[in-house]
């Protein structure tokens, strides 16, 4: 499968072609997928992520490399940030883009 246009600035065609069809399909199917209250409840995450969409991207090494499987790509919840009303802390939600992992991860920057 040739690399989709939306991925060309994120991943090399060579790396994309080294992935299994199952991995490629997982990335394509989850790109721009809406985050729902149900998926957040399953992960015990804040409802402020509801309605955002997943966007594929390269992790910020070493901050966001998946601690579970060490995969270097994530889906990022976009728009990317939300702040607690009484805090200047900014929260980001990611999901490991490895089809065999899929761990959710929050970071506060």
PDB file of N, CA and C in Angstrom:
ATOM      1  N   UNK A   1       0.852  -1.173   0.000  1.00  0.00           N
ATOM      2  CA  UNK A   1       0.000   0.000   0.000  1.00  0.00           C
ATOM      3  C   UNK A   1       0.901   1.239   0.000  1.00  0.00           C
ATOM      4  N   UNK A   2       0.592   2.168  -0.880  1.00  0.00           N
ATOM      5  CA  UNK A   2       1.414   3.377  -0.892  1.00  0.00           C
ATOM      6  C   UNK A   2       1.014   4.272   0.282  1.00  0.00           C
ATOM      7  N   UNK A   3       1.937   5.091   0.682  1.00  0.00           N
ATOM      8  CA  UNK A   3       1.729   5.928   1.858  1.00  0.00           C
ATOM      9  C   UNK A   3       0.679   7.015   1.565  1.00  0.00           C
ATOM     10  N   UNK A   4      -0.309   7.176   2.432  1.00  0.00           N
ATOM     11  CA  UNK A   4      -1.306   8.234   2.250  1.00  0.00           C
ATOM     12  C   UNK A   4      -0.662   9.616   2.362  1.00  0.00           C
ATOM     13  N   UNK A   5      -1.219  10.580   1.652  1.00  0.00           N
ATOM     14  CA  UNK A   5      -0.658  11.931   1.631  1.00  0.00           C
ATOM     15  C   UNK A   5      -0.523  12.537   3.021  1.00  0.00           C
ATOM     16  N   UNK A   6      -1.502  12.289   3.900  1.00  0.00           N
ATOM     17  CA  UNK A   6      -1.461  12.922   5.225  1.00  0.00           C
ATOM     18  C   UNK A   6      -0.295  12.430   6.081  1.00  0.00           C
ATOM     19  N   UNK A   7       0.339  11.337   5.673  1.00  0.00           N
ATOM     20  CA  UNK A   7       1.449  10.776   6.443  1.00  0.00           C
ATOM     21  C   UNK A   7       2.830  11.157   5.914  1.00  0.00           C
ATOM     22  N   UNK A   8       2.904  11.693   4.729  1.00  0.00           N
ATOM     23  CA  UNK A   8       4.190  11.906   4.058  1.00  0.00           C
ATOM     24  C   UNK A   8       5.147  12.814   4.811  1.00  0.00           C
ATOM     25  N   UNK A   9       4.642  13.734   5.623  1.00  0.00           N
ATOM     26  CA  UNK A   9       5.524  14.620   6.394  1.00  0.00           C
ATOM     27  C   UNK A   9       5.873  14.033   7.759  1.00  0.00           C
ATOM     28  N   UNK A  10       5.269  12.894   8.100  1.00  0.00           N
ATOM     29  CA  UNK A  10       5.435  12.312   9.429  1.00  0.00           C
ATOM     30  C   UNK A  10       6.320  11.075   9.409  1.00  0.00           C
ATOM     31  N   UNK A  11       6.174  10.259   8.381  1.00  0.00           N
ATOM     32  CA  UNK A  11       6.847   8.968   8.328  1.00  0.00           C
ATOM     33  C   UNK A  11       7.390   8.743   6.920  1.00  0.00           C
ATOM     34  N   UNK A  12       8.530   8.085   6.839  1.00  0.00           N
ATOM     35  CA  UNK A  12       9.100   7.807   5.518  1.00  0.00           C
ATOM     36  C   UNK A  12       8.310   6.685   4.841  1.00  0.00           C
ATOM     37  N   UNK A  13       8.307   6.695   3.545  1.00  0.00           N
ATOM     38  CA  UNK A  13       7.620   5.643   2.797  1.00  0.00           C
ATOM     39  C   UNK A  13       8.250   4.282   3.081  1.00  0.00           C
ATOM     40  N   UNK A  14       9.561   4.273   3.265  1.00  0.00           N
ATOM     41  CA  UNK A  14      10.250   3.026   3.582  1.00  0.00           C
ATOM     42  C   UNK A  14       9.770   2.442   4.917  1.00  0.00           C
ATOM     43  N   UNK A  15       9.662   3.282   5.944  1.00  0.00           N
ATOM     44  CA  UNK A  15       9.182   2.788   7.229  1.00  0.00           C
ATOM     45  C   UNK A  15       7.723   2.335   7.121  1.00  0.00           C
ATOM     46  N   UNK A  16       6.892   3.134   6.449  1.00  0.00           N
ATOM     47  CA  UNK A  16       5.487   2.786   6.246  1.00  0.00           C
ATOM     48  C   UNK A  16       5.367   1.408   5.582  1.00  0.00           C
ATOM     49  N   UNK A  17       6.151   1.175   4.564  1.00  0.00           N
ATOM     50  CA  UNK A  17       6.091  -0.095   3.833  1.00  0.00           C
ATOM     51  C   UNK A  17       6.618  -1.276   4.643  1.00  0.00           C
ATOM     52  N   UNK A  18       7.377  -1.002   5.704  1.00  0.00           N
ATOM     53  CA  UNK A  18       7.880  -2.082   6.555  1.00  0.00           C
ATOM     54  C   UNK A  18       6.814  -2.563   7.551  1.00  0.00           C
ATOM     55  N   UNK A  19       5.732  -1.805   7.710  1.00  0.00           N
ATOM     56  CA  UNK A  19       4.666  -2.149   8.639  1.00  0.00           C
ATOM     57  C   UNK A  19       3.717  -3.172   8.032  1.00  0.00           C
ATOM     58  N   UNK A  20       3.094  -3.951   8.881  1.00  0.00           N
ATOM     59  CA  UNK A  20       2.094  -4.923   8.433  1.00  0.00           C
ATOM     60  C   UNK A  20       0.857  -4.184   7.902  1.00  0.00           C
ATOM     61  N   UNK A  21       0.082  -4.867   7.103  1.00  0.00           N
ATOM     62  CA  UNK A  21      -1.176  -4.294   6.603  1.00  0.00           C
ATOM     63  C   UNK A  21      -2.087  -3.947   7.774  1.00  0.00           C
ATOM     64  N   UNK A  22      -2.100  -4.783   8.801  1.00  0.00           N
ATOM     65  CA  UNK A  22      -2.921  -4.524   9.983  1.00  0.00           C
ATOM     66  C   UNK A  22      -2.508  -3.206  10.654  1.00  0.00           C
ATOM     67  N   UNK A  23      -1.189  -2.949  10.753  1.00  0.00           N
ATOM     68  CA  UNK A  23      -0.693  -1.706  11.352  1.00  0.00           C
ATOM     69  C   UNK A  23      -1.073  -0.512  10.479  1.00  0.00           C
ATOM     70  N   UNK A  24      -0.876  -0.631   9.174  1.00  0.00           N
ATOM     71  CA  UNK A  24      -1.230   0.460   8.260  1.00  0.00           C
ATOM     72  C   UNK A  24      -2.723   0.774   8.335  1.00  0.00           C
ATOM     73  N   UNK A  25      -3.552  -0.256   8.325  1.00  0.00           N
ATOM     74  CA  UNK A  25      -5.001  -0.063   8.396  1.00  0.00           C
ATOM     75  C   UNK A  25      -5.406   0.615   9.698  1.00  0.00           C
ATOM     76  N   UNK A  26      -4.750   0.242  10.797  1.00  0.00           N
ATOM     77  CA  UNK A  26      -5.043   0.842  12.097  1.00  0.00           C
ATOM     78  C   UNK A  26      -4.795   2.351  12.066  1.00  0.00           C
ATOM     79  N   UNK A  27      -3.689   2.761  11.482  1.00  0.00           N
ATOM     80  CA  UNK A  27      -3.371   4.192  11.394  1.00  0.00           C
ATOM     81  C   UNK A  27      -4.405   4.905  10.524  1.00  0.00           C
ATOM     82  N   UNK A  28      -4.703   4.354   9.372  1.00  0.00           N
ATOM     83  CA  UNK A  28      -5.653   4.988   8.454  1.00  0.00           C
ATOM     84  C   UNK A  28      -7.051   5.072   9.068  1.00  0.00           C
ATOM     85  N   UNK A  29      -7.487   4.011   9.719  1.00  0.00           N
ATOM     86  CA  UNK A  29      -8.839   3.979  10.290  1.00  0.00           C
ATOM     87  C   UNK A  29      -8.996   4.904  11.488  1.00  0.00           C
ATOM     88  N   UNK A  30      -7.917   5.166  12.199  1.00  0.00           N
ATOM     89  CA  UNK A  30      -8.007   6.006  13.388  1.00  0.00           C
ATOM     90  C   UNK A  30      -7.709   7.469  13.136  1.00  0.00           C
ATOM     91  N   UNK A  31      -7.132   7.793  11.997  1.00  0.00           N
ATOM     92  CA  UNK A  31      -6.861   9.191  11.653  1.00  0.00           C
ATOM     93  C   UNK A  31      -8.182   9.949  11.595  1.00  0.00           C
ATOM     94  N   UNK A  32      -8.283  11.014  12.366  1.00  0.00           N
ATOM     95  CA  UNK A  32      -9.449  11.892  12.463  1.00  0.00           C
ATOM     96  C   UNK A  32     -10.664  11.239  13.115  1.00  0.00           C
ATOM     97  N   UNK A  33     -10.492  10.088  13.738  1.00  0.00           N
ATOM     98  CA  UNK A  33     -11.584   9.432  14.452  1.00  0.00           C
ATOM     99  C   UNK A  33     -11.938  10.255  15.683  1.00  0.00           C
ATOM    100  N   UNK A  34     -13.229  10.459  15.907  1.00  0.00           N
ATOM    101  CA  UNK A  34     -13.692  11.248  17.050  1.00  0.00           C
ATOM    102  C   UNK A  34     -13.490  10.492  18.358  1.00  0.00           C
ATOM    103  N   UNK A  35     -13.101  11.230  19.381  1.00  0.00           N
ATOM    104  CA  UNK A  35     -12.981  10.691  20.731  1.00  0.00           C
ATOM    105  C   UNK A  35     -14.354  10.848  21.382  1.00  0.00           C
ATOM    106  N   UNK A  36     -14.853   9.772  21.965  1.00  0.00           N
ATOM    107  CA  UNK A  36     -16.194   9.771  22.528  1.00  0.00           C
ATOM    108  C   UNK A  36     -16.161   9.686  24.055  1.00  0.00           C
ATOM    109  N   UNK A  37     -17.292  10.021  24.662  1.00  0.00           N
ATOM    110  CA  UNK A  37     -17.383   9.900  26.116  1.00  0.00           C
ATOM    111  C   UNK A  37     -17.215   8.449  26.544  1.00  0.00           C
ATOM    112  N   UNK A  38     -17.667   7.508  25.700  1.00  0.00           N
ATOM    113  CA  UNK A  38     -17.525   6.090  26.027  1.00  0.00           C
ATOM    114  C   UNK A  38     -16.053   5.673  26.061  1.00  0.00           C
ATOM    115  N   UNK A  39     -15.290   6.103  25.062  1.00  0.00           N
ATOM    116  CA  UNK A  39     -13.870   5.723  25.038  1.00  0.00           C
ATOM    117  C   UNK A  39     -13.115   6.368  26.192  1.00  0.00           C
ATOM    118  N   UNK A  40     -13.524   7.561  26.581  1.00  0.00           N
ATOM    119  CA  UNK A  40     -12.879   8.226  27.711  1.00  0.00           C
ATOM    120  C   UNK A  40     -13.225   7.541  29.023  1.00  0.00           C
ATOM    121  N   UNK A  41     -14.475   7.124  29.166  1.00  0.00           N
ATOM    122  CA  UNK A  41     -14.898   6.445  30.393  1.00  0.00           C
ATOM    123  C   UNK A  41     -14.154   5.131  30.563  1.00  0.00           C
ATOM    124  N   UNK A  42     -13.936   4.425  29.468  1.00  0.00           N
ATOM    125  CA  UNK A  42     -13.191   3.160  29.525  1.00  0.00           C
ATOM    126  C   UNK A  42     -11.765   3.380  30.011  1.00  0.00           C
ATOM    127  N   UNK A  43     -11.212   4.539  29.739  1.00  0.00           N
ATOM    128  CA  UNK A  43      -9.841   4.855  30.125  1.00  0.00           C
ATOM    129  C   UNK A  43      -9.768   5.691  31.408  1.00  0.00           C
ATOM    130  N   UNK A  44     -10.930   6.071  31.942  1.00  0.00           N
ATOM    131  CA  UNK A  44     -10.999   6.921  33.139  1.00  0.00           C
ATOM    132  C   UNK A  44     -10.277   8.249  32.913  1.00  0.00           C
ATOM    133  N   UNK A  45     -10.619   8.905  31.798  1.00  0.00           N
ATOM    134  CA  UNK A  45      -9.998  10.169  31.428  1.00  0.00           C
ATOM    135  C   UNK A  45     -11.019  11.295  31.493  1.00  0.00           C
ATOM    136  N   UNK A  46     -10.529  12.529  31.597  1.00  0.00           N
ATOM    137  CA  UNK A  46     -11.370  13.706  31.735  1.00  0.00           C
ATOM    138  C   UNK A  46     -12.251  13.914  30.499  1.00  0.00           C
ATOM    139  N   UNK A  47     -13.471  14.354  30.724  1.00  0.00           N
ATOM    140  CA  UNK A  47     -14.426  14.562  29.635  1.00  0.00           C
ATOM    141  C   UNK A  47     -14.048  15.717  28.704  1.00  0.00           C
ATOM    142  N   UNK A  48     -13.091  16.552  29.076  1.00  0.00           N
ATOM    143  CA  UNK A  48     -12.673  17.656  28.201  1.00  0.00           C
ATOM    144  C   UNK A  48     -12.082  17.164  26.880  1.00  0.00           C
ATOM    145  N   UNK A  49     -11.726  15.896  26.796  1.00  0.00           N
ATOM    146  CA  UNK A  49     -11.210  15.347  25.539  1.00  0.00           C
ATOM    147  C   UNK A  49     -12.331  14.919  24.598  1.00  0.00           C
ATOM    148  N   UNK A  50     -13.558  14.826  25.106  1.00  0.00           N
ATOM    149  CA  UNK A  50     -14.695  14.406  24.295  1.00  0.00           C
ATOM    150  C   UNK A  50     -14.864  15.325  23.081  1.00  0.00           C
ATOM    151  N   UNK A  51     -15.077  14.716  21.917  1.00  0.00           N
ATOM    152  CA  UNK A  51     -15.306  15.479  20.700  1.00  0.00           C
ATOM    153  C   UNK A  51     -14.052  15.860  19.942  1.00  0.00           C
ATOM    154  N   UNK A  52     -12.897  15.679  20.556  1.00  0.00           N
ATOM    155  CA  UNK A  52     -11.655  15.921  19.828  1.00  0.00           C
ATOM    156  C   UNK A  52     -11.429  14.766  18.863  1.00  0.00           C
ATOM    157  N   UNK A  53     -10.459  14.892  18.006  1.00  0.00           N
ATOM    158  CA  UNK A  53     -10.174  13.853  17.013  1.00  0.00           C
ATOM    159  C   UNK A  53      -8.734  13.401  17.122  1.00  0.00           C
ATOM    160  N   UNK A  54      -8.495  12.136  16.751  1.00  0.00           N
ATOM    161  CA  UNK A  54      -7.140  11.580  16.761  1.00  0.00           C
ATOM    162  C   UNK A  54      -6.395  11.968  15.492  1.00  0.00           C
ATOM    163  N   UNK A  55      -5.149  12.425  15.657  1.00  0.00           N
ATOM    164  CA  UNK A  55      -4.265  12.734  14.528  1.00  0.00           C
ATOM    165  C   UNK A  55      -2.921  12.060  14.764  1.00  0.00           C
ATOM    166  N   UNK A  56      -2.459  11.361  13.753  1.00  0.00           N
ATOM    167  CA  UNK A  56      -1.223  10.602  13.802  1.00  0.00           C
ATOM    168  C   UNK A  56      -0.029  11.534  13.811  1.00  0.00           C
ATOM    169  N   UNK A  57       0.977  11.194  14.635  1.00  0.00           N
ATOM    170  CA  UNK A  57       2.190  12.005  14.668  1.00  0.00           C
ATOM    171  C   UNK A  57       3.336  11.279  15.335  1.00  0.00           C
ATOM    172  N   UNK A  58       4.505  11.841  15.172  1.00  0.00           N
ATOM    173  CA  UNK A  58       5.725  11.325  15.777  1.00  0.00           C
ATOM    174  C   UNK A  58       5.779  11.766  17.232  1.00  0.00           C
ATOM    175  N   UNK A  59       6.145  10.857  18.113  1.00  0.00           N
ATOM    176  CA  UNK A  59       6.250  11.178  19.539  1.00  0.00           C
ATOM    177  C   UNK A  59       7.402  12.150  19.776  1.00  0.00           C
ATOM    178  N   UNK A  60       7.286  12.908  20.855  1.00  0.00           N
ATOM    179  CA  UNK A  60       8.386  13.799  21.249  1.00  0.00           C
ATOM    180  C   UNK A  60       9.302  13.008  22.157  1.00  0.00           C
ATOM    181  N   UNK A  61      10.391  12.525  21.612  1.00  0.00           N
ATOM    182  CA  UNK A  61      11.344  11.691  22.336  1.00  0.00           C
ATOM    183  C   UNK A  61      12.072  12.536  23.382  1.00  0.00           C
ATOM    184  N   UNK A  62      12.255  12.086  24.580  1.00  0.00           N
ATOM    185  CA  UNK A  62      11.794  10.831  25.166  1.00  0.00           C
ATOM    186  C   UNK A  62      10.496  10.980  25.943  1.00  0.00           C
ATOM    187  N   UNK A  63       9.885  12.157  25.910  1.00  0.00           N
ATOM    188  CA  UNK A  63       8.721  12.450  26.750  1.00  0.00           C
ATOM    189  C   UNK A  63       7.543  11.533  26.455  1.00  0.00           C
ATOM    190  N   UNK A  64       7.260  11.296  25.184  1.00  0.00           N
ATOM    191  CA  UNK A  64       6.037  10.604  24.828  1.00  0.00           C
ATOM    192  C   UNK A  64       6.249   9.234  24.189  1.00  0.00           C
ATOM    193  N   UNK A  65       7.470   8.731  24.133  1.00  0.00           N
ATOM    194  CA  UNK A  65       7.663   7.378  23.612  1.00  0.00           C
ATOM    195  C   UNK A  65       6.834   6.438  24.476  1.00  0.00           C
ATOM    196  N   UNK A  66       6.119   5.518  23.859  1.00  0.00           N
ATOM    197  CA  UNK A  66       5.233   4.633  24.614  1.00  0.00           C
ATOM    198  C   UNK A  66       6.031   3.848  25.654  1.00  0.00           C
ATOM    199  N   UNK A  67       5.635   4.011  26.901  1.00  0.00           N
ATOM    200  CA  UNK A  67       6.325   3.299  27.977  1.00  0.00           C
ATOM    201  C   UNK A  67       5.977   1.817  27.986  1.00  0.00           C
ATOM    202  N   UNK A  68       4.895   1.453  27.321  1.00  0.00           N
ATOM    203  CA  UNK A  68       4.456   0.064  27.284  1.00  0.00           C
ATOM    204  C   UNK A  68       5.198  -0.735  26.211  1.00  0.00           C
ATOM    205  N   UNK A  69       5.324  -0.165  24.991  1.00  0.00           N
ATOM    206  CA  UNK A  69       5.904  -0.941  23.881  1.00  0.00           C
ATOM    207  C   UNK A  69       7.050  -0.238  23.166  1.00  0.00           C
ATOM    208  N   UNK A  70       7.345   1.013  23.538  1.00  0.00           N
ATOM    209  CA  UNK A  70       8.446   1.810  22.967  1.00  0.00           C
ATOM    210  C   UNK A  70       8.200   2.244  21.521  1.00  0.00           C
ATOM    211  N   UNK A  71       6.946   2.184  21.042  1.00  0.00           N
ATOM    212  CA  UNK A  71       6.620   2.640  19.691  1.00  0.00           C
ATOM    213  C   UNK A  71       6.801   4.151  19.640  1.00  0.00           C
ATOM    214  N   UNK A  72       7.279   4.675  18.539  1.00  0.00           N
ATOM    215  CA  UNK A  72       7.603   6.101  18.488  1.00  0.00           C
ATOM    216  C   UNK A  72       6.550   6.956  17.791  1.00  0.00           C
ATOM    217  N   UNK A  73       5.355   6.402  17.586  1.00  0.00           N
ATOM    218  CA  UNK A  73       4.272   7.170  16.980  1.00  0.00           C
ATOM    219  C   UNK A  73       3.045   7.118  17.870  1.00  0.00           C
ATOM    220  N   UNK A  74       2.321   8.248  17.893  1.00  0.00           N
ATOM    221  CA  UNK A  74       1.102   8.376  18.679  1.00  0.00           C
ATOM    222  C   UNK A  74       0.007   8.978  17.831  1.00  0.00           C
ATOM    223  N   UNK A  75      -1.221   8.802  18.293  1.00  0.00           N
ATOM    224  CA  UNK A  75      -2.330   9.635  17.849  1.00  0.00           C
ATOM    225  C   UNK A  75      -2.467  10.700  18.920  1.00  0.00           C
ATOM    226  N   UNK A  76      -2.556  11.942  18.492  1.00  0.00           N
ATOM    227  CA  UNK A  76      -2.718  13.066  19.400  1.00  0.00           C
ATOM    228  C   UNK A  76      -4.158  13.550  19.340  1.00  0.00           C
ATOM    229  N   UNK A  77      -4.751  13.860  20.493  1.00  0.00           N
ATOM    230  CA  UNK A  77      -6.088  14.439  20.536  1.00  0.00           C
ATOM    231  C   UNK A  77      -5.985  15.888  20.073  1.00  0.00           C
ATOM    232  N   UNK A  78      -6.757  16.221  19.053  1.00  0.00           N
ATOM    233  CA  UNK A  78      -6.724  17.570  18.499  1.00  0.00           C
ATOM    234  C   UNK A  78      -8.114  18.182  18.541  1.00  0.00           C
ATOM    235  N   UNK A  79      -8.296  19.461  18.810  1.00  0.00           N
ATOM    236  CA  UNK A  79      -7.225  20.366  19.149  1.00  0.00           C
ATOM    237  C   UNK A  79      -6.488  19.873  20.386  1.00  0.00           C
ATOM    238  N   UNK A  80      -5.225  20.169  20.410  1.00  0.00           N
ATOM    239  CA  UNK A  80      -4.293  19.457  21.249  1.00  0.00           C
ATOM    240  C   UNK A  80      -4.435  19.678  22.749  1.00  0.00           C
ATOM    241  N   UNK A  81      -4.732  20.854  23.197  1.00  0.00           N
ATOM    242  CA  UNK A  81      -4.597  21.167  24.621  1.00  0.00           C
ATOM    243  C   UNK A  81      -5.905  21.556  25.282  1.00  0.00           C
ATOM    244  N   UNK A  82      -5.951  21.368  26.586  1.00  0.00           N
ATOM    245  CA  UNK A  82      -6.983  21.969  27.426  1.00  0.00           C
ATOM    246  C   UNK A  82      -6.348  22.304  28.764  1.00  0.00           C
ATOM    247  N   UNK A  83      -6.850  23.329  29.400  1.00  0.00           N
ATOM    248  CA  UNK A  83      -6.322  23.758  30.697  1.00  0.00           C
ATOM    249  C   UNK A  83      -7.405  23.633  31.749  1.00  0.00           C
ATOM    250  N   UNK A  84      -6.986  23.306  32.955  1.00  0.00           N
ATOM    251  CA  UNK A  84      -7.917  23.336  34.070  1.00  0.00           C
ATOM    252  C   UNK A  84      -8.161  24.803  34.391  1.00  0.00           C
ATOM    253  N   UNK A  85      -9.373  25.163  34.717  1.00  0.00           N
ATOM    254  CA  UNK A  85      -9.727  26.572  34.883  1.00  0.00           C
ATOM    255  C   UNK A  85      -8.924  27.270  35.971  1.00  0.00           C
ATOM    256  N   UNK A  86      -8.493  26.538  36.963  1.00  0.00           N
ATOM    257  CA  UNK A  86      -7.751  27.173  38.056  1.00  0.00           C
ATOM    258  C   UNK A  86      -6.244  26.970  37.935  1.00  0.00           C
ATOM    259  N   UNK A  87      -5.806  26.535  36.762  1.00  0.00           N
ATOM    260  CA  UNK A  87      -4.397  26.210  36.608  1.00  0.00           C
ATOM    261  C   UNK A  87      -3.906  26.615  35.231  1.00  0.00           C
ATOM    262  N   UNK A  88      -2.628  26.893  35.142  1.00  0.00           N
ATOM    263  CA  UNK A  88      -2.046  27.175  33.836  1.00  0.00           C
ATOM    264  C   UNK A  88      -1.490  25.903  33.200  1.00  0.00           C
ATOM    265  N   UNK A  89      -1.643  24.777  33.899  1.00  0.00           N
ATOM    266  CA  UNK A  89      -1.170  23.506  33.343  1.00  0.00           C
ATOM    267  C   UNK A  89      -1.969  23.147  32.103  1.00  0.00           C
ATOM    268  N   UNK A  90      -1.286  22.699  31.075  1.00  0.00           N
ATOM    269  CA  UNK A  90      -1.931  22.315  29.822  1.00  0.00           C
ATOM    270  C   UNK A  90      -1.801  20.813  29.652  1.00  0.00           C
ATOM    271  N   UNK A  91      -2.927  20.147  29.407  1.00  0.00           N
ATOM    272  CA  UNK A  91      -2.975  18.697  29.282  1.00  0.00           C
ATOM    273  C   UNK A  91      -3.105  18.274  27.830  1.00  0.00           C
ATOM    274  N   UNK A  92      -2.437  17.182  27.486  1.00  0.00           N
ATOM    275  CA  UNK A  92      -2.502  16.602  26.156  1.00  0.00           C
ATOM    276  C   UNK A  92      -2.809  15.113  26.307  1.00  0.00           C
ATOM    277  N   UNK A  93      -3.621  14.585  25.404  1.00  0.00           N
ATOM    278  CA  UNK A  93      -3.948  13.167  25.400  1.00  0.00           C
ATOM    279  C   UNK A  93      -3.376  12.530  24.148  1.00  0.00           C
ATOM    280  N   UNK A  94      -2.713  11.393  24.320  1.00  0.00           N
ATOM    281  CA  UNK A  94      -2.174  10.633  23.207  1.00  0.00           C
ATOM    282  C   UNK A  94      -2.621   9.187  23.333  1.00  0.00           C
ATOM    283  N   UNK A  95      -2.608   8.501  22.205  1.00  0.00           N
ATOM    284  CA  UNK A  95      -2.846   7.063  22.184  1.00  0.00           C
ATOM    285  C   UNK A  95      -1.731   6.448  21.356  1.00  0.00           C
ATOM    286  N   UNK A  96      -1.083   5.426  21.877  1.00  0.00           N
ATOM    287  CA  UNK A  96      -0.035   4.747  21.135  1.00  0.00           C
ATOM    288  C   UNK A  96      -0.608   4.280  19.797  1.00  0.00           C
ATOM    289  N   UNK A  97       0.108   4.521  18.712  1.00  0.00           N
ATOM    290  CA  UNK A  97      -0.363   4.153  17.374  1.00  0.00           C
ATOM    291  C   UNK A  97       0.017   2.735  16.981  1.00  0.00           C
ATOM    292  N   UNK A  98       0.587   1.980  17.907  1.00  0.00           N
ATOM    293  CA  UNK A  98       0.901   0.576  17.647  1.00  0.00           C
ATOM    294  C   UNK A  98      -0.389  -0.223  17.757  1.00  0.00           C
ATOM    295  N   UNK A  99      -0.758  -0.908  16.688  1.00  0.00           N
ATOM    296  CA  UNK A  99      -2.006  -1.677  16.658  1.00  0.00           C
ATOM    297  C   UNK A  99      -2.070  -2.721  17.768  1.00  0.00           C
ATOM    298  N   UNK A 100      -0.935  -3.202  18.226  1.00  0.00           N
ATOM    299  CA  UNK A 100      -0.890  -4.217  19.275  1.00  0.00           C
ATOM    300  C   UNK A 100      -0.794  -3.635  20.680  1.00  0.00           C
ATOM    301  N   UNK A 101      -0.831  -2.323  20.800  1.00  0.00           N
ATOM    302  CA  UNK A 101      -0.704  -1.680  22.116  1.00  0.00           C
ATOM    303  C   UNK A 101      -1.885  -0.759  22.367  1.00  0.00           C
ATOM    304  N   UNK A 102      -1.883   0.434  21.780  1.00  0.00           N
ATOM    305  CA  UNK A 102      -2.995   1.363  21.906  1.00  0.00           C
ATOM    306  C   UNK A 102      -3.144   2.039  23.255  1.00  0.00           C
ATOM    307  N   UNK A 103      -2.111   2.017  24.088  1.00  0.00           N
ATOM    308  CA  UNK A 103      -2.161   2.626  25.413  1.00  0.00           C
ATOM    309  C   UNK A 103      -2.431   4.122  25.314  1.00  0.00           C
ATOM    310  N   UNK A 104      -3.329   4.614  26.175  1.00  0.00           N
ATOM    311  CA  UNK A 104      -3.583   6.039  26.287  1.00  0.00           C
ATOM    312  C   UNK A 104      -2.553   6.633  27.233  1.00  0.00           C
ATOM    313  N   UNK A 105      -2.207   7.893  26.983  1.00  0.00           N
ATOM    314  CA  UNK A 105      -1.186   8.556  27.780  1.00  0.00           C
ATOM    315  C   UNK A 105      -1.525  10.038  27.855  1.00  0.00           C
ATOM    316  N   UNK A 106      -1.469  10.605  29.037  1.00  0.00           N
ATOM    317  CA  UNK A 106      -1.639  12.041  29.203  1.00  0.00           C
ATOM    318  C   UNK A 106      -0.321  12.668  29.601  1.00  0.00           C
ATOM    319  N   UNK A 107      -0.095  13.873  29.104  1.00  0.00           N
ATOM    320  CA  UNK A 107       1.062  14.619  29.571  1.00  0.00           C
ATOM    321  C   UNK A 107       0.602  16.021  29.938  1.00  0.00           C
ATOM    322  N   UNK A 108       1.277  16.593  30.869  1.00  0.00           N
ATOM    323  CA  UNK A 108       0.977  17.940  31.314  1.00  0.00           C
ATOM    324  C   UNK A 108       2.222  18.789  31.074  1.00  0.00           C
ATOM    325  N   UNK A 109       2.097  19.761  30.198  1.00  0.00           N
ATOM    326  CA  UNK A 109       3.244  20.607  29.843  1.00  0.00           C
ATOM    327  C   UNK A 109       3.064  22.014  30.345  1.00  0.00           C
TER     328      UNK A 109
END
